[in-house]
Every structure is written in structure tokens, then in C-alpha cells.
Amino acid sequence: MTALTEHDSRRALPMIQLLGAVAWPSFFTAAVMSAVFFAFIDPLQLQQISFPHYVISRELGYSLGFFMFWAGTLCACGVTALLLRPAREPEESFE
């Protein structure tokens, strides 16, 4: 009974499809969040407030901000994909 039934095989997603379903929305969301955030916040002023001893360029600030937003949304989308997996059938009854 290790073979997947037809119902189970339709629900099992290939890993590349699951990765795409997690990576693409998180990338798009991070791009939108970066655009909105950096429309109001200058990376150089943020650098002076948070890390005054380090010198970074404006482009590096944009890049770090984008990757920070991408990491956060990637984790959120990954948890969502994990929670959307179908539940397993219990192997034994608890009676």
C-alpha cells in the first residue's frame, strides 16, 4: 500500500512547482514592499541612524532592503505552503 492512489497523486506537487509557488510571490511582494518603503525612506539616512560607523552606498542600501524583505516574505510563503499540505491519515485509532 505504498503506491499513491489517483486522488493522492493529483494533490502531490512536484518540488519545482512548490518552489515556484513560494519563491515567485515572495519575490513580487518584496519588490513592491521595497518600492513603497524606499519611496519614503532614504537608505543613506537610515544608515546614519542605524549603522553610523559603516559606510554604504545608496544602491547597497536598496539591495539589502530588498533581500531583507524577500527573506521575510519567503519565510511567510514557505510556512503557508507547509500549512496547505494535506493532512495524513492516522495510522491507528486512539480508542
N, C-alpha and C. Protein backbone atom coordinates (compact mmCIF):
# COMPACT_ATOMS: atom_id res chain seq x y z
N MET A 1 0.81 -1.19 0.00
CA MET A 1 0.00 0.00 0.00
C MET A 1 0.86 1.26 0.00
N THR A 2 2.02 1.19 -0.57
CA THR A 2 2.86 2.38 -0.62
C THR A 2 2.61 3.20 -1.87
N ALA A 3 1.93 2.64 -2.85
CA ALA A 3 1.64 3.38 -4.08
C ALA A 3 0.59 4.45 -3.80
N LEU A 4 0.76 5.57 -4.45
CA LEU A 4 -0.20 6.66 -4.30
C LEU A 4 -1.47 6.34 -5.08
N THR A 5 -2.58 6.64 -4.50
CA THR A 5 -3.83 6.50 -5.23
C THR A 5 -3.96 7.66 -6.20
N GLU A 6 -4.94 7.59 -7.07
CA GLU A 6 -5.13 8.66 -8.05
C GLU A 6 -5.43 9.98 -7.35
N HIS A 7 -6.17 9.94 -6.27
CA HIS A 7 -6.52 11.15 -5.52
C HIS A 7 -5.26 11.76 -4.91
N ASP A 8 -4.38 10.94 -4.35
CA ASP A 8 -3.16 11.46 -3.73
C ASP A 8 -2.17 11.98 -4.76
N SER A 9 -2.09 11.34 -5.92
CA SER A 9 -1.13 11.78 -6.93
C SER A 9 -1.51 13.13 -7.51
N ARG A 10 -2.80 13.46 -7.53
CA ARG A 10 -3.20 14.78 -8.01
C ARG A 10 -2.84 15.86 -7.01
N ARG A 11 -2.81 15.53 -5.74
CA ARG A 11 -2.55 16.53 -4.71
C ARG A 11 -1.07 16.74 -4.47
N ALA A 12 -0.23 15.77 -4.81
CA ALA A 12 1.21 15.89 -4.58
C ALA A 12 1.82 16.78 -5.66
N LEU A 13 2.41 17.89 -5.26
CA LEU A 13 3.03 18.81 -6.21
C LEU A 13 4.50 18.47 -6.39
N PRO A 14 5.01 18.59 -7.61
CA PRO A 14 6.45 18.43 -7.79
C PRO A 14 7.19 19.53 -7.03
N MET A 15 8.41 19.22 -6.61
CA MET A 15 9.19 20.16 -5.79
C MET A 15 9.43 21.48 -6.52
N ILE A 16 9.69 21.44 -7.83
CA ILE A 16 9.96 22.67 -8.56
C ILE A 16 8.71 23.55 -8.62
N GLN A 17 7.55 22.93 -8.71
CA GLN A 17 6.30 23.71 -8.72
C GLN A 17 6.05 24.32 -7.34
N LEU A 18 6.35 23.58 -6.30
CA LEU A 18 6.20 24.11 -4.95
C LEU A 18 7.18 25.26 -4.70
N LEU A 19 8.42 25.09 -5.18
CA LEU A 19 9.41 26.14 -5.02
C LEU A 19 9.00 27.40 -5.78
N GLY A 20 8.47 27.23 -6.98
CA GLY A 20 7.99 28.37 -7.75
C GLY A 20 6.80 29.05 -7.10
N ALA A 21 5.94 28.25 -6.50
CA ALA A 21 4.76 28.81 -5.83
C ALA A 21 5.13 29.57 -4.58
N VAL A 22 6.29 29.30 -4.02
CA VAL A 22 6.76 30.02 -2.83
C VAL A 22 7.66 31.19 -3.22
N ALA A 23 8.58 30.96 -4.15
CA ALA A 23 9.58 31.98 -4.49
C ALA A 23 9.01 33.15 -5.27
N TRP A 24 8.13 32.88 -6.25
CA TRP A 24 7.62 33.97 -7.08
C TRP A 24 6.77 34.96 -6.30
N PRO A 25 5.78 34.54 -5.51
CA PRO A 25 5.00 35.54 -4.77
C PRO A 25 5.85 36.31 -3.76
N SER A 26 6.82 35.63 -3.16
CA SER A 26 7.66 36.34 -2.19
C SER A 26 8.56 37.36 -2.89
N PHE A 27 9.06 37.03 -4.08
CA PHE A 27 9.87 37.97 -4.86
C PHE A 27 9.04 39.18 -5.26
N PHE A 28 7.86 38.95 -5.77
CA PHE A 28 6.99 40.04 -6.20
C PHE A 28 6.60 40.93 -5.02
N THR A 29 6.26 40.32 -3.89
CA THR A 29 5.88 41.08 -2.71
C THR A 29 7.06 41.89 -2.19
N ALA A 30 8.25 41.30 -2.20
CA ALA A 30 9.44 42.03 -1.74
C ALA A 30 9.73 43.22 -2.65
N ALA A 31 9.52 43.07 -3.95
CA ALA A 31 9.74 44.19 -4.87
C ALA A 31 8.76 45.33 -4.59
N VAL A 32 7.51 44.99 -4.36
CA VAL A 32 6.51 46.02 -4.06
C VAL A 32 6.81 46.68 -2.71
N MET A 33 7.15 45.86 -1.71
CA MET A 33 7.46 46.41 -0.39
C MET A 33 8.69 47.33 -0.45
N SER A 34 9.70 46.94 -1.22
CA SER A 34 10.89 47.78 -1.35
C SER A 34 10.56 49.10 -2.02
N ALA A 35 9.76 49.05 -3.06
CA ALA A 35 9.39 50.29 -3.76
C ALA A 35 8.63 51.23 -2.84
N VAL A 36 7.69 50.69 -2.09
CA VAL A 36 6.91 51.53 -1.17
C VAL A 36 7.78 52.04 -0.03
N PHE A 37 8.58 51.17 0.56
CA PHE A 37 9.42 51.56 1.70
C PHE A 37 10.43 52.63 1.30
N PHE A 38 11.13 52.40 0.18
CA PHE A 38 12.17 53.34 -0.21
C PHE A 38 11.62 54.57 -0.92
N ALA A 39 10.33 54.63 -1.18
CA ALA A 39 9.72 55.86 -1.66
C ALA A 39 9.67 56.90 -0.54
N PHE A 40 9.64 56.42 0.70
CA PHE A 40 9.55 57.32 1.85
C PHE A 40 10.84 57.40 2.67
N ILE A 41 11.68 56.38 2.60
CA ILE A 41 12.89 56.30 3.42
C ILE A 41 14.12 56.29 2.51
N ASP A 42 15.06 57.16 2.79
CA ASP A 42 16.32 57.19 2.05
C ASP A 42 17.30 56.23 2.73
N PRO A 43 17.92 55.31 1.98
CA PRO A 43 18.85 54.36 2.60
C PRO A 43 20.03 55.03 3.30
N LEU A 44 20.48 56.17 2.80
CA LEU A 44 21.62 56.84 3.44
C LEU A 44 21.23 57.43 4.79
N GLN A 45 20.03 57.97 4.90
CA GLN A 45 19.58 58.47 6.20
C GLN A 45 19.34 57.32 7.17
N LEU A 46 18.82 56.22 6.67
CA LEU A 46 18.62 55.04 7.51
C LEU A 46 19.95 54.48 7.99
N GLN A 47 20.96 54.53 7.13
CA GLN A 47 22.30 54.08 7.51
C GLN A 47 22.89 54.97 8.60
N GLN A 48 22.69 56.26 8.52
CA GLN A 48 23.21 57.18 9.53
C GLN A 48 22.54 56.97 10.87
N ILE A 49 21.29 56.58 10.88
CA ILE A 49 20.56 56.34 12.12
C ILE A 49 20.94 55.00 12.73
N SER A 50 21.01 53.96 11.90
CA SER A 50 21.18 52.60 12.44
C SER A 50 22.63 52.15 12.52
N PHE A 51 23.45 52.41 11.51
CA PHE A 51 24.85 51.97 11.49
C PHE A 51 25.76 53.14 11.13
N PRO A 52 25.97 54.08 12.04
CA PRO A 52 26.74 55.28 11.67
C PRO A 52 28.22 55.02 11.40
N HIS A 53 28.77 53.90 11.88
CA HIS A 53 30.20 53.63 11.69
C HIS A 53 30.49 52.92 10.38
N TYR A 54 29.46 52.48 9.66
CA TYR A 54 29.65 51.80 8.38
C TYR A 54 29.25 52.72 7.24
N VAL A 55 30.03 52.68 6.18
CA VAL A 55 29.73 53.48 5.01
C VAL A 55 29.16 52.55 3.94
N ILE A 56 27.93 52.82 3.55
CA ILE A 56 27.31 52.04 2.47
C ILE A 56 26.78 53.00 1.42
N SER A 57 26.69 52.50 0.21
CA SER A 57 26.13 53.32 -0.86
C SER A 57 24.60 53.19 -0.85
N ARG A 58 23.99 54.06 -1.58
CA ARG A 58 22.53 54.03 -1.67
C ARG A 58 22.07 52.73 -2.35
N GLU A 59 22.81 52.29 -3.38
CA GLU A 59 22.45 51.05 -4.08
C GLU A 59 22.56 49.84 -3.17
N LEU A 60 23.59 49.80 -2.32
CA LEU A 60 23.72 48.70 -1.38
C LEU A 60 22.58 48.72 -0.37
N GLY A 61 22.16 49.89 0.03
CA GLY A 61 21.01 50.00 0.94
C GLY A 61 19.74 49.48 0.30
N TYR A 62 19.53 49.82 -0.98
CA TYR A 62 18.36 49.28 -1.69
C TYR A 62 18.44 47.76 -1.79
N SER A 63 19.62 47.24 -2.11
CA SER A 63 19.79 45.79 -2.26
C SER A 63 19.57 45.06 -0.94
N LEU A 64 20.16 45.58 0.12
CA LEU A 64 19.98 44.94 1.43
C LEU A 64 18.52 44.98 1.87
N GLY A 65 17.87 46.10 1.62
CA GLY A 65 16.45 46.20 1.96
C GLY A 65 15.60 45.22 1.18
N PHE A 66 15.89 45.10 -0.12
CA PHE A 66 15.13 44.15 -0.94
C PHE A 66 15.32 42.72 -0.44
N PHE A 67 16.57 42.34 -0.19
CA PHE A 67 16.82 40.96 0.26
C PHE A 67 16.26 40.72 1.66
N MET A 68 16.22 41.74 2.49
CA MET A 68 15.59 41.59 3.80
C MET A 68 14.08 41.35 3.64
N PHE A 69 13.44 42.14 2.79
CA PHE A 69 12.01 41.94 2.53
C PHE A 69 11.76 40.58 1.88
N TRP A 70 12.65 40.17 0.98
CA TRP A 70 12.47 38.89 0.30
C TRP A 70 12.61 37.73 1.29
N ALA A 71 13.57 37.81 2.18
CA ALA A 71 13.73 36.74 3.18
C ALA A 71 12.50 36.64 4.07
N GLY A 72 11.96 37.77 4.48
CA GLY A 72 10.78 37.75 5.33
C GLY A 72 9.56 37.18 4.64
N THR A 73 9.33 37.60 3.40
CA THR A 73 8.17 37.09 2.68
C THR A 73 8.38 35.66 2.21
N LEU A 74 9.63 35.25 1.98
CA LEU A 74 9.91 33.86 1.63
C LEU A 74 9.57 32.94 2.79
N CYS A 75 9.91 33.35 4.00
CA CYS A 75 9.55 32.56 5.18
C CYS A 75 8.03 32.48 5.34
N ALA A 76 7.35 33.59 5.14
CA ALA A 76 5.89 33.60 5.28
C ALA A 76 5.23 32.71 4.23
N CYS A 77 5.68 32.79 2.98
CA CYS A 77 5.11 31.95 1.93
C CYS A 77 5.46 30.48 2.15
N GLY A 78 6.65 30.21 2.67
CA GLY A 78 7.04 28.83 2.96
C GLY A 78 6.18 28.22 4.04
N VAL A 79 5.89 28.98 5.08
CA VAL A 79 5.01 28.47 6.14
C VAL A 79 3.61 28.25 5.60
N THR A 80 3.14 29.14 4.74
CA THR A 80 1.82 28.96 4.14
C THR A 80 1.78 27.68 3.30
N ALA A 81 2.82 27.44 2.50
CA ALA A 81 2.87 26.21 1.70
C ALA A 81 2.92 24.98 2.59
N LEU A 82 3.63 25.07 3.69
CA LEU A 82 3.70 23.95 4.62
C LEU A 82 2.34 23.66 5.24
N LEU A 83 1.62 24.70 5.59
CA LEU A 83 0.31 24.52 6.21
C LEU A 83 -0.77 24.09 5.22
N LEU A 84 -0.56 24.31 3.94
CA LEU A 84 -1.55 23.91 2.94
C LEU A 84 -1.43 22.46 2.51
N ARG A 85 -0.40 21.77 2.97
CA ARG A 85 -0.26 20.35 2.62
C ARG A 85 -1.41 19.56 3.21
N PRO A 86 -1.87 18.54 2.50
CA PRO A 86 -2.97 17.74 3.05
C PRO A 86 -2.52 16.96 4.27
N ALA A 87 -3.43 16.78 5.19
CA ALA A 87 -3.12 16.04 6.41
C ALA A 87 -3.02 14.56 6.10
N ARG A 88 -2.17 13.88 6.84
CA ARG A 88 -2.04 12.43 6.67
C ARG A 88 -3.16 11.73 7.42
N GLU A 89 -3.50 10.58 6.93
CA GLU A 89 -4.49 9.76 7.62
C GLU A 89 -3.85 9.17 8.87
N PRO A 90 -4.57 9.10 9.96
CA PRO A 90 -3.99 8.48 11.16
C PRO A 90 -3.74 6.99 10.90
N GLU A 91 -2.59 6.53 11.39
CA GLU A 91 -2.22 5.14 11.14
C GLU A 91 -2.94 4.17 12.07
N GLU A 92 -3.30 4.61 13.24
CA GLU A 92 -4.02 3.73 14.16
C GLU A 92 -5.05 4.55 14.92
N SER A 93 -6.05 3.89 15.40
CA SER A 93 -7.09 4.60 16.14
C SER A 93 -6.64 4.80 17.58
N PHE A 94 -7.21 5.79 18.22
CA PHE A 94 -6.85 6.11 19.60
C PHE A 94 -7.85 5.54 20.59
N GLU A 95 -8.62 4.58 20.20
CA GLU A 95 -9.64 4.00 21.07
C GLU A 95 -9.05 3.04 22.06
